[in-house]
């Protein structure tokens, strides 16, 4: 039995769960999400908990069992609390601001980069060098945060660039044979 898949999901008050043949819909105070049900996996609402079972014990069945349960758990947490990731911008003159559905970020290139904020995602510039990406869909929040980070990955020598808040980087020594300071 899948260790993740056999755990029931506690449904908090205020969350409505609708189980269909091929998907599960969740609705809470933050919004509405739907997760797919893989073939061979069934979901049953028992009181205030959601229980997943699988039809067979094949490798794919076991993997889909845990996957389906994890996606449903993420959806429940998303519609109740939501997800957020914080990005830190490090470098002289590197800054960001949010204006009319676009993120304008200066990262040392000749022009600032205009990033269109996708639907369902909120980006807040708490400081010019600190961004918070919020939303109810965990995958979408992580993807947007990674897209912003990939605009200027941290340099291994000077540590300049965009990184997650609290991310530890390994700093490289300067190259051998370089003279001067």
N, C-alpha and C. Protein backbone atom coordinates (compact mmCIF):
# COMPACT_ATOMS: atom_id res chain seq x y z
N UNK A 1 0.86 -1.19 0.00
CA UNK A 1 0.00 0.00 0.00
C UNK A 1 0.89 1.24 0.00
N UNK A 2 0.50 2.24 -0.72
CA UNK A 2 1.23 3.49 -0.75
C UNK A 2 1.13 4.18 0.60
N UNK A 3 2.27 4.59 1.14
CA UNK A 3 2.25 5.24 2.44
C UNK A 3 1.54 6.58 2.37
N UNK A 4 1.77 7.32 1.30
CA UNK A 4 1.11 8.61 1.16
C UNK A 4 -0.36 8.41 0.81
N UNK A 5 -0.64 7.50 -0.11
CA UNK A 5 -1.99 7.30 -0.62
C UNK A 5 -2.99 6.80 0.39
N UNK A 6 -2.54 6.05 1.39
CA UNK A 6 -3.51 5.47 2.33
C UNK A 6 -3.93 6.43 3.44
N UNK A 7 -3.25 7.58 3.58
CA UNK A 7 -3.63 8.55 4.61
C UNK A 7 -4.88 9.31 4.15
N UNK A 8 -5.89 9.39 4.99
CA UNK A 8 -7.08 10.18 4.61
C UNK A 8 -6.76 11.67 4.70
N UNK A 9 -7.43 12.47 3.88
CA UNK A 9 -7.27 13.92 3.89
C UNK A 9 -8.40 14.52 4.71
N UNK A 10 -8.04 15.26 5.74
CA UNK A 10 -9.05 15.93 6.57
C UNK A 10 -9.54 17.15 5.82
N UNK A 11 -10.86 17.24 5.65
CA UNK A 11 -11.47 18.37 4.95
C UNK A 11 -11.90 19.39 5.99
N UNK A 12 -11.26 20.58 5.99
CA UNK A 12 -11.64 21.59 6.99
C UNK A 12 -13.02 22.18 6.72
N UNK A 13 -13.58 22.83 7.73
CA UNK A 13 -14.88 23.47 7.59
C UNK A 13 -14.76 24.61 6.58
N UNK A 14 -15.76 24.76 5.76
CA UNK A 14 -15.76 25.82 4.76
C UNK A 14 -15.25 25.37 3.40
N UNK A 15 -14.82 24.11 3.29
CA UNK A 15 -14.34 23.58 2.02
C UNK A 15 -15.37 22.59 1.49
N UNK A 16 -15.80 22.80 0.24
CA UNK A 16 -16.76 21.92 -0.40
C UNK A 16 -16.01 21.01 -1.38
N UNK A 17 -16.23 19.69 -1.25
CA UNK A 17 -15.57 18.72 -2.11
C UNK A 17 -16.63 18.01 -2.95
N UNK A 18 -16.40 17.95 -4.26
CA UNK A 18 -17.28 17.23 -5.17
C UNK A 18 -16.45 16.21 -5.92
N UNK A 19 -16.80 14.92 -5.76
CA UNK A 19 -16.06 13.84 -6.42
C UNK A 19 -16.80 13.43 -7.68
N UNK A 20 -16.11 13.55 -8.82
CA UNK A 20 -16.63 13.10 -10.11
C UNK A 20 -15.88 11.83 -10.51
N UNK A 21 -16.24 11.27 -11.65
CA UNK A 21 -15.60 10.04 -12.11
C UNK A 21 -14.13 10.25 -12.45
N UNK A 22 -13.81 11.39 -13.06
CA UNK A 22 -12.44 11.62 -13.52
C UNK A 22 -11.73 12.78 -12.85
N UNK A 23 -12.40 13.49 -11.92
CA UNK A 23 -11.76 14.61 -11.23
C UNK A 23 -12.44 14.88 -9.89
N UNK A 24 -11.73 15.67 -9.08
CA UNK A 24 -12.27 16.09 -7.78
C UNK A 24 -12.22 17.61 -7.77
N UNK A 25 -13.32 18.25 -7.37
CA UNK A 25 -13.38 19.70 -7.32
C UNK A 25 -13.41 20.16 -5.87
N UNK A 26 -12.63 21.19 -5.59
CA UNK A 26 -12.54 21.77 -4.25
C UNK A 26 -12.91 23.23 -4.34
N UNK A 27 -13.72 23.69 -3.38
CA UNK A 27 -14.08 25.10 -3.34
C UNK A 27 -13.97 25.58 -1.90
N UNK A 28 -13.22 26.66 -1.70
CA UNK A 28 -13.01 27.21 -0.37
C UNK A 28 -13.05 28.72 -0.41
N UNK A 29 -12.59 29.34 0.68
CA UNK A 29 -12.67 30.80 0.78
C UNK A 29 -11.71 31.51 -0.18
N UNK A 30 -10.63 30.84 -0.60
CA UNK A 30 -9.66 31.47 -1.51
C UNK A 30 -10.01 31.27 -2.98
N UNK A 31 -10.82 30.26 -3.30
CA UNK A 31 -11.16 30.03 -4.69
C UNK A 31 -11.58 28.60 -4.96
N UNK A 32 -11.44 28.20 -6.23
CA UNK A 32 -11.91 26.90 -6.69
C UNK A 32 -10.79 26.21 -7.46
N UNK A 33 -10.56 24.91 -7.17
CA UNK A 33 -9.55 24.11 -7.85
C UNK A 33 -10.12 22.74 -8.19
N UNK A 34 -9.55 22.12 -9.21
CA UNK A 34 -9.93 20.76 -9.59
C UNK A 34 -8.66 19.95 -9.79
N UNK A 35 -8.65 18.71 -9.31
CA UNK A 35 -7.52 17.81 -9.52
C UNK A 35 -8.00 16.58 -10.27
N UNK A 36 -7.17 16.04 -11.16
CA UNK A 36 -7.59 14.86 -11.92
C UNK A 36 -7.50 13.59 -11.08
N UNK A 37 -8.34 12.61 -11.42
CA UNK A 37 -8.25 11.27 -10.81
C UNK A 37 -7.66 10.34 -11.87
N UNK A 38 -6.55 9.72 -11.55
CA UNK A 38 -5.86 8.83 -12.48
C UNK A 38 -6.68 7.55 -12.66
N UNK A 39 -6.49 6.83 -13.77
CA UNK A 39 -7.22 5.57 -13.97
C UNK A 39 -6.85 4.55 -12.88
N UNK A 40 -7.84 3.87 -12.37
CA UNK A 40 -7.63 2.85 -11.35
C UNK A 40 -7.66 3.39 -9.93
N UNK A 41 -7.82 4.69 -9.76
CA UNK A 41 -7.85 5.32 -8.44
C UNK A 41 -9.27 5.83 -8.20
N UNK A 42 -9.81 5.56 -7.02
CA UNK A 42 -11.14 6.06 -6.66
C UNK A 42 -11.03 6.87 -5.38
N UNK A 43 -11.84 7.91 -5.29
CA UNK A 43 -11.89 8.76 -4.11
C UNK A 43 -13.29 8.71 -3.54
N UNK A 44 -13.38 8.58 -2.21
CA UNK A 44 -14.66 8.51 -1.53
C UNK A 44 -14.65 9.51 -0.37
N UNK A 45 -15.72 10.28 -0.27
CA UNK A 45 -15.86 11.24 0.81
C UNK A 45 -16.54 10.55 1.98
N UNK A 46 -15.81 10.37 3.08
CA UNK A 46 -16.35 9.71 4.28
C UNK A 46 -16.39 10.71 5.42
N UNK A 47 -17.55 11.31 5.62
CA UNK A 47 -17.68 12.32 6.67
C UNK A 47 -16.88 13.56 6.30
N UNK A 48 -15.91 13.90 7.17
CA UNK A 48 -15.07 15.08 6.93
C UNK A 48 -13.69 14.69 6.44
N UNK A 49 -13.60 13.56 5.76
CA UNK A 49 -12.30 13.15 5.22
C UNK A 49 -12.47 12.53 3.84
N UNK A 50 -11.41 12.63 3.04
CA UNK A 50 -11.40 12.10 1.69
C UNK A 50 -10.42 10.94 1.67
N UNK A 51 -10.89 9.75 1.22
CA UNK A 51 -10.07 8.54 1.24
C UNK A 51 -9.87 8.06 -0.20
N UNK A 52 -8.62 7.71 -0.51
CA UNK A 52 -8.27 7.21 -1.84
C UNK A 52 -7.98 5.72 -1.78
N UNK A 53 -8.47 4.97 -2.78
CA UNK A 53 -8.18 3.54 -2.90
C UNK A 53 -7.79 3.26 -4.35
N UNK A 54 -7.06 2.15 -4.54
CA UNK A 54 -6.66 1.78 -5.90
C UNK A 54 -7.19 0.39 -6.23
N UNK A 55 -7.35 0.16 -7.53
CA UNK A 55 -7.94 -1.09 -8.00
C UNK A 55 -6.94 -2.24 -7.99
N UNK A 56 -5.69 -1.98 -8.36
CA UNK A 56 -4.70 -3.06 -8.45
C UNK A 56 -3.39 -2.63 -7.78
N UNK A 57 -2.46 -3.56 -7.70
CA UNK A 57 -1.20 -3.33 -6.99
C UNK A 57 -0.03 -3.23 -7.96
N UNK A 58 -0.26 -2.73 -9.17
CA UNK A 58 0.83 -2.57 -10.12
C UNK A 58 1.68 -1.36 -9.73
N UNK A 59 2.85 -1.27 -10.33
CA UNK A 59 3.75 -0.16 -10.02
C UNK A 59 3.10 1.19 -10.37
N UNK A 60 2.46 1.26 -11.53
CA UNK A 60 1.79 2.49 -11.94
C UNK A 60 0.61 2.80 -11.02
N UNK A 61 -0.11 1.78 -10.59
CA UNK A 61 -1.23 1.96 -9.68
C UNK A 61 -0.80 2.53 -8.34
N UNK A 62 0.32 2.00 -7.83
CA UNK A 62 0.85 2.50 -6.55
C UNK A 62 1.31 3.95 -6.68
N UNK A 63 1.99 4.26 -7.80
CA UNK A 63 2.47 5.62 -8.02
C UNK A 63 1.31 6.61 -8.16
N UNK A 64 0.29 6.23 -8.93
CA UNK A 64 -0.87 7.10 -9.12
C UNK A 64 -1.67 7.28 -7.83
N UNK A 65 -1.64 6.28 -6.95
CA UNK A 65 -2.34 6.35 -5.68
C UNK A 65 -1.77 7.50 -4.84
N UNK A 66 -0.46 7.51 -4.69
CA UNK A 66 0.19 8.58 -3.92
C UNK A 66 0.08 9.93 -4.60
N UNK A 67 0.20 9.94 -5.93
CA UNK A 67 0.10 11.19 -6.68
C UNK A 67 -1.28 11.83 -6.53
N UNK A 68 -2.32 11.03 -6.69
CA UNK A 68 -3.68 11.55 -6.58
C UNK A 68 -3.97 12.14 -5.22
N UNK A 69 -3.51 11.45 -4.18
CA UNK A 69 -3.72 11.93 -2.82
C UNK A 69 -2.94 13.22 -2.58
N UNK A 70 -1.69 13.31 -3.05
CA UNK A 70 -0.86 14.49 -2.86
C UNK A 70 -1.44 15.70 -3.58
N UNK A 71 -1.94 15.50 -4.81
CA UNK A 71 -2.55 16.60 -5.55
C UNK A 71 -3.81 17.10 -4.84
N UNK A 72 -4.59 16.19 -4.29
CA UNK A 72 -5.81 16.58 -3.58
C UNK A 72 -5.46 17.33 -2.29
N UNK A 73 -4.44 16.87 -1.58
CA UNK A 73 -4.01 17.55 -0.35
C UNK A 73 -3.54 18.97 -0.66
N UNK A 74 -2.77 19.13 -1.76
CA UNK A 74 -2.31 20.46 -2.16
C UNK A 74 -3.48 21.37 -2.52
N UNK A 75 -4.50 20.82 -3.16
CA UNK A 75 -5.68 21.61 -3.53
C UNK A 75 -6.45 22.05 -2.29
N UNK A 76 -6.59 21.16 -1.30
CA UNK A 76 -7.29 21.51 -0.07
C UNK A 76 -6.56 22.65 0.64
N UNK A 77 -5.23 22.53 0.74
CA UNK A 77 -4.45 23.58 1.39
C UNK A 77 -4.51 24.88 0.58
N UNK A 78 -4.53 24.77 -0.74
CA UNK A 78 -4.57 25.94 -1.59
C UNK A 78 -5.85 26.74 -1.43
N UNK A 79 -7.00 26.07 -1.38
CA UNK A 79 -8.28 26.79 -1.28
C UNK A 79 -8.54 27.30 0.13
N UNK A 80 -7.82 26.80 1.13
CA UNK A 80 -8.00 27.30 2.49
C UNK A 80 -6.96 28.37 2.84
N UNK A 81 -5.68 28.09 2.64
CA UNK A 81 -4.62 29.02 3.04
C UNK A 81 -3.92 29.68 1.86
N UNK A 82 -3.74 28.96 0.78
CA UNK A 82 -2.98 29.46 -0.36
C UNK A 82 -1.50 29.17 -0.20
N UNK A 83 -0.74 29.45 -1.24
CA UNK A 83 0.70 29.21 -1.25
C UNK A 83 1.42 30.50 -1.56
N UNK A 84 2.66 30.61 -1.08
CA UNK A 84 3.47 31.78 -1.41
C UNK A 84 4.94 31.40 -1.42
N UNK A 85 5.69 32.11 -2.24
CA UNK A 85 7.15 31.97 -2.32
C UNK A 85 7.72 33.37 -2.36
N UNK A 86 8.84 33.54 -1.65
CA UNK A 86 9.49 34.84 -1.63
C UNK A 86 10.80 34.77 -2.39
N UNK A 87 11.04 35.80 -3.18
CA UNK A 87 12.26 35.91 -3.98
C UNK A 87 13.03 37.15 -3.54
N UNK A 88 14.34 36.98 -3.46
CA UNK A 88 15.22 38.05 -3.04
C UNK A 88 16.07 38.45 -4.26
N UNK A 89 16.19 39.75 -4.51
CA UNK A 89 16.98 40.24 -5.63
C UNK A 89 18.25 40.88 -5.05
N UNK A 90 19.42 40.36 -5.44
CA UNK A 90 20.69 40.81 -4.90
C UNK A 90 21.55 41.36 -6.04
N UNK A 91 22.02 42.58 -5.89
CA UNK A 91 22.90 43.18 -6.89
C UNK A 91 22.72 44.68 -6.91
N UNK A 92 23.77 45.40 -7.27
CA UNK A 92 23.72 46.86 -7.33
C UNK A 92 22.82 47.28 -8.49
N UNK A 93 21.79 48.06 -8.17
CA UNK A 93 20.86 48.53 -9.19
C UNK A 93 19.79 47.52 -9.58
N UNK A 94 19.78 46.34 -8.98
CA UNK A 94 18.76 45.34 -9.27
C UNK A 94 17.53 45.67 -8.45
N UNK A 95 16.39 45.78 -9.09
CA UNK A 95 15.15 46.11 -8.39
C UNK A 95 13.95 45.66 -9.19
N UNK A 96 12.80 45.66 -8.53
CA UNK A 96 11.56 45.24 -9.19
C UNK A 96 10.40 46.08 -8.70
N UNK A 97 9.40 46.23 -9.58
CA UNK A 97 8.16 46.89 -9.18
C UNK A 97 7.01 46.27 -9.97
N UNK A 98 5.84 46.26 -9.36
CA UNK A 98 4.64 45.71 -9.98
C UNK A 98 3.76 46.86 -10.42
N UNK A 99 3.33 46.83 -11.70
CA UNK A 99 2.53 47.92 -12.23
C UNK A 99 1.54 47.38 -13.26
N UNK A 100 0.24 47.49 -12.99
CA UNK A 100 -0.83 47.14 -13.93
C UNK A 100 -0.70 45.73 -14.50
N UNK A 101 -0.58 44.75 -13.66
CA UNK A 101 -0.53 43.36 -14.13
C UNK A 101 0.79 42.95 -14.74
N UNK A 102 1.82 43.75 -14.59
CA UNK A 102 3.14 43.42 -15.11
C UNK A 102 4.17 43.62 -14.02
N UNK A 103 5.16 42.76 -14.05
CA UNK A 103 6.30 42.90 -13.15
C UNK A 103 7.44 43.49 -13.98
N UNK A 104 7.91 44.64 -13.56
CA UNK A 104 9.03 45.27 -14.25
C UNK A 104 10.26 45.09 -13.37
N UNK A 105 11.25 44.37 -13.89
CA UNK A 105 12.39 43.99 -13.08
C UNK A 105 13.69 44.38 -13.79
N UNK A 106 14.55 45.11 -13.08
CA UNK A 106 15.84 45.55 -13.61
C UNK A 106 16.92 44.64 -13.04
N UNK A 107 17.62 43.92 -13.92
CA UNK A 107 18.60 42.93 -13.48
C UNK A 107 19.97 43.13 -14.12
N UNK A 108 20.32 44.37 -14.44
CA UNK A 108 21.64 44.64 -14.98
C UNK A 108 21.75 44.52 -16.48
N UNK A 109 20.65 44.24 -17.16
CA UNK A 109 20.65 44.23 -18.61
C UNK A 109 20.44 45.65 -19.11
N UNK A 110 20.53 45.87 -20.42
CA UNK A 110 20.41 47.22 -20.97
C UNK A 110 19.01 47.81 -20.75
N UNK A 111 17.99 46.95 -20.67
CA UNK A 111 16.62 47.41 -20.44
C UNK A 111 15.97 46.57 -19.35
N UNK A 112 14.99 47.16 -18.65
CA UNK A 112 14.26 46.35 -17.68
C UNK A 112 13.42 45.28 -18.39
N UNK A 113 13.18 44.17 -17.69
CA UNK A 113 12.40 43.06 -18.23
C UNK A 113 10.95 43.24 -17.77
N UNK A 114 10.00 43.14 -18.69
CA UNK A 114 8.57 43.20 -18.35
C UNK A 114 8.04 41.77 -18.36
N UNK A 115 7.59 41.30 -17.20
CA UNK A 115 7.05 39.94 -17.05
C UNK A 115 5.54 40.06 -16.82
N UNK A 116 4.75 39.46 -17.70
CA UNK A 116 3.29 39.48 -17.56
C UNK A 116 2.88 38.50 -16.47
N UNK A 117 2.13 38.98 -15.50
CA UNK A 117 1.70 38.14 -14.38
C UNK A 117 0.53 37.28 -14.84
N UNK A 118 0.64 35.93 -14.71
CA UNK A 118 -0.46 35.06 -15.16
C UNK A 118 -1.70 35.19 -14.28
N UNK A 119 -2.83 34.76 -14.83
CA UNK A 119 -4.09 34.79 -14.09
C UNK A 119 -4.02 33.84 -12.90
N UNK A 120 -4.58 34.24 -11.78
CA UNK A 120 -4.59 33.40 -10.59
C UNK A 120 -3.35 33.56 -9.73
N UNK A 121 -2.43 34.44 -10.14
CA UNK A 121 -1.20 34.67 -9.39
C UNK A 121 -1.13 36.14 -9.01
N UNK A 122 -0.69 36.39 -7.78
CA UNK A 122 -0.51 37.75 -7.29
C UNK A 122 0.96 37.92 -6.93
N UNK A 123 1.58 38.96 -7.45
CA UNK A 123 2.97 39.26 -7.13
C UNK A 123 2.99 40.60 -6.41
N UNK A 124 3.64 40.63 -5.24
CA UNK A 124 3.73 41.84 -4.43
C UNK A 124 5.20 42.17 -4.25
N UNK A 125 5.57 43.42 -4.55
CA UNK A 125 6.93 43.90 -4.31
C UNK A 125 6.93 44.56 -2.93
N UNK A 126 7.31 43.79 -1.90
CA UNK A 126 7.29 44.32 -0.54
C UNK A 126 8.38 45.37 -0.35
N UNK A 127 9.52 45.15 -0.96
CA UNK A 127 10.61 46.13 -1.06
C UNK A 127 11.05 46.06 -2.52
N UNK A 128 11.86 47.00 -2.96
CA UNK A 128 12.33 46.89 -4.35
C UNK A 128 13.16 45.63 -4.60
N UNK A 129 13.67 45.01 -3.53
CA UNK A 129 14.50 43.82 -3.70
C UNK A 129 13.87 42.57 -3.10
N UNK A 130 12.58 42.61 -2.76
CA UNK A 130 11.90 41.44 -2.19
C UNK A 130 10.54 41.28 -2.84
N UNK A 131 10.34 40.13 -3.50
CA UNK A 131 9.08 39.83 -4.17
C UNK A 131 8.39 38.67 -3.48
N UNK A 132 7.06 38.72 -3.41
CA UNK A 132 6.27 37.61 -2.91
C UNK A 132 5.30 37.18 -3.99
N UNK A 133 5.34 35.89 -4.33
CA UNK A 133 4.45 35.31 -5.33
C UNK A 133 3.40 34.51 -4.58
N UNK A 134 2.10 34.83 -4.77
CA UNK A 134 1.02 34.16 -4.04
C UNK A 134 -0.01 33.60 -5.01
N UNK A 135 -0.69 32.54 -4.57
CA UNK A 135 -1.76 31.95 -5.36
C UNK A 135 -2.31 30.72 -4.66
N UNK A 136 -3.35 30.11 -5.26
CA UNK A 136 -3.95 28.93 -4.65
C UNK A 136 -3.43 27.64 -5.25
N UNK A 137 -2.85 27.72 -6.46
CA UNK A 137 -2.35 26.53 -7.14
C UNK A 137 -0.85 26.40 -6.86
N UNK A 138 -0.46 25.38 -6.14
CA UNK A 138 0.93 25.20 -5.73
C UNK A 138 1.88 25.10 -6.93
N UNK A 139 1.47 24.36 -7.94
CA UNK A 139 2.32 24.17 -9.11
C UNK A 139 2.53 25.49 -9.84
N UNK A 140 1.48 26.28 -9.98
CA UNK A 140 1.56 27.55 -10.70
C UNK A 140 2.43 28.56 -9.94
N UNK A 141 2.29 28.61 -8.63
CA UNK A 141 3.10 29.52 -7.81
C UNK A 141 4.58 29.17 -7.95
N UNK A 142 4.91 27.89 -7.86
CA UNK A 142 6.29 27.46 -8.00
C UNK A 142 6.84 27.73 -9.39
N UNK A 143 6.02 27.53 -10.42
CA UNK A 143 6.47 27.76 -11.80
C UNK A 143 6.74 29.24 -12.05
N UNK A 144 5.87 30.12 -11.57
CA UNK A 144 6.06 31.55 -11.76
C UNK A 144 7.31 32.02 -11.01
N UNK A 145 7.48 31.55 -9.78
CA UNK A 145 8.67 31.92 -9.00
C UNK A 145 9.94 31.45 -9.70
N UNK A 146 9.91 30.26 -10.27
CA UNK A 146 11.09 29.75 -10.98
C UNK A 146 11.33 30.51 -12.29
N UNK A 147 10.26 30.92 -12.97
CA UNK A 147 10.41 31.73 -14.18
C UNK A 147 11.10 33.06 -13.87
N UNK A 148 10.68 33.69 -12.76
CA UNK A 148 11.29 34.96 -12.37
C UNK A 148 12.75 34.74 -11.97
N UNK A 149 13.01 33.66 -11.26
CA UNK A 149 14.39 33.37 -10.84
C UNK A 149 15.28 33.12 -12.05
N UNK A 150 14.75 32.49 -13.09
CA UNK A 150 15.56 32.15 -14.25
C UNK A 150 15.91 33.37 -15.11
N UNK A 151 15.30 34.52 -14.82
CA UNK A 151 15.65 35.73 -15.55
C UNK A 151 17.10 36.15 -15.27
N UNK A 152 17.58 35.88 -14.06
CA UNK A 152 18.98 36.14 -13.70
C UNK A 152 19.34 35.21 -12.55
N UNK A 153 19.88 34.03 -12.90
CA UNK A 153 20.28 33.07 -11.88
C UNK A 153 21.45 33.63 -11.07
N UNK A 154 21.57 33.27 -9.80
CA UNK A 154 22.66 33.80 -8.98
C UNK A 154 24.03 33.40 -9.53
N UNK A 155 24.91 34.38 -9.60
CA UNK A 155 26.28 34.19 -10.07
C UNK A 155 27.08 33.45 -8.99
N UNK A 156 27.81 32.39 -9.34
CA UNK A 156 28.54 31.65 -8.31
C UNK A 156 29.72 32.40 -7.71
N UNK A 157 30.19 33.45 -8.39
CA UNK A 157 31.35 34.19 -7.90
C UNK A 157 30.96 35.39 -7.04
N UNK A 158 30.02 36.19 -7.51
CA UNK A 158 29.64 37.40 -6.77
C UNK A 158 28.29 37.26 -6.06
N UNK A 159 27.56 36.17 -6.31
CA UNK A 159 26.28 35.87 -5.66
C UNK A 159 25.17 36.84 -6.06
N UNK A 160 25.32 37.55 -7.19
CA UNK A 160 24.30 38.49 -7.65
C UNK A 160 23.26 37.74 -8.47
N UNK A 161 22.02 38.17 -8.36
CA UNK A 161 20.95 37.58 -9.14
C UNK A 161 19.68 37.44 -8.32
N UNK A 162 18.74 36.62 -8.79
CA UNK A 162 17.46 36.38 -8.12
C UNK A 162 17.52 35.01 -7.47
N UNK A 163 17.13 34.96 -6.19
CA UNK A 163 17.15 33.69 -5.46
C UNK A 163 15.94 33.63 -4.53
N UNK A 164 15.63 32.43 -4.07
CA UNK A 164 14.57 32.26 -3.08
C UNK A 164 15.07 32.82 -1.75
N UNK A 165 14.17 33.38 -0.97
CA UNK A 165 14.54 33.93 0.33
C UNK A 165 15.04 32.80 1.23
N UNK A 166 16.23 32.94 1.77
CA UNK A 166 16.81 31.93 2.64
C UNK A 166 17.59 30.86 1.91
N UNK A 167 17.68 30.92 0.59
CA UNK A 167 18.42 29.93 -0.19
C UNK A 167 19.92 30.10 0.06
N UNK A 168 20.59 29.00 0.34
CA UNK A 168 22.03 29.03 0.58
C UNK A 168 22.74 28.69 -0.72
N UNK A 169 23.69 29.55 -1.07
CA UNK A 169 24.45 29.36 -2.30
C UNK A 169 25.89 29.03 -1.95
N UNK A 170 26.55 28.28 -2.80
CA UNK A 170 27.96 27.94 -2.62
C UNK A 170 28.76 28.95 -3.43
N UNK A 171 29.59 29.72 -2.73
CA UNK A 171 30.38 30.74 -3.39
C UNK A 171 31.70 30.14 -3.85
N UNK A 172 32.03 30.38 -5.12
CA UNK A 172 33.28 29.87 -5.67
C UNK A 172 34.40 30.88 -5.41
N UNK A 173 35.59 30.34 -5.29
CA UNK A 173 36.76 31.21 -5.17
C UNK A 173 37.05 31.81 -6.54
N UNK A 174 37.81 32.92 -6.53
CA UNK A 174 38.16 33.50 -7.82
C UNK A 174 39.09 32.57 -8.57
N UNK A 175 39.15 32.75 -9.85
CA UNK A 175 39.93 31.85 -10.69
C UNK A 175 41.41 32.01 -10.43
N UNK A 176 42.14 30.91 -10.50
CA UNK A 176 43.60 30.93 -10.28
C UNK A 176 44.25 31.70 -11.41
N UNK A 177 45.31 32.43 -11.07
CA UNK A 177 46.04 33.19 -12.09
C UNK A 177 45.54 34.60 -12.24
N UNK A 178 44.47 34.97 -11.53
CA UNK A 178 43.97 36.33 -11.60
C UNK A 178 44.80 37.19 -10.68
N UNK A 179 45.35 38.25 -11.20
CA UNK A 179 46.16 39.14 -10.37
C UNK A 179 45.34 40.36 -9.98
N UNK A 180 45.71 40.98 -8.91
CA UNK A 180 45.02 42.17 -8.45
C UNK A 180 43.93 41.82 -7.45
N UNK A 181 43.15 42.81 -7.09
CA UNK A 181 42.12 42.64 -6.07
C UNK A 181 40.90 42.17 -6.65
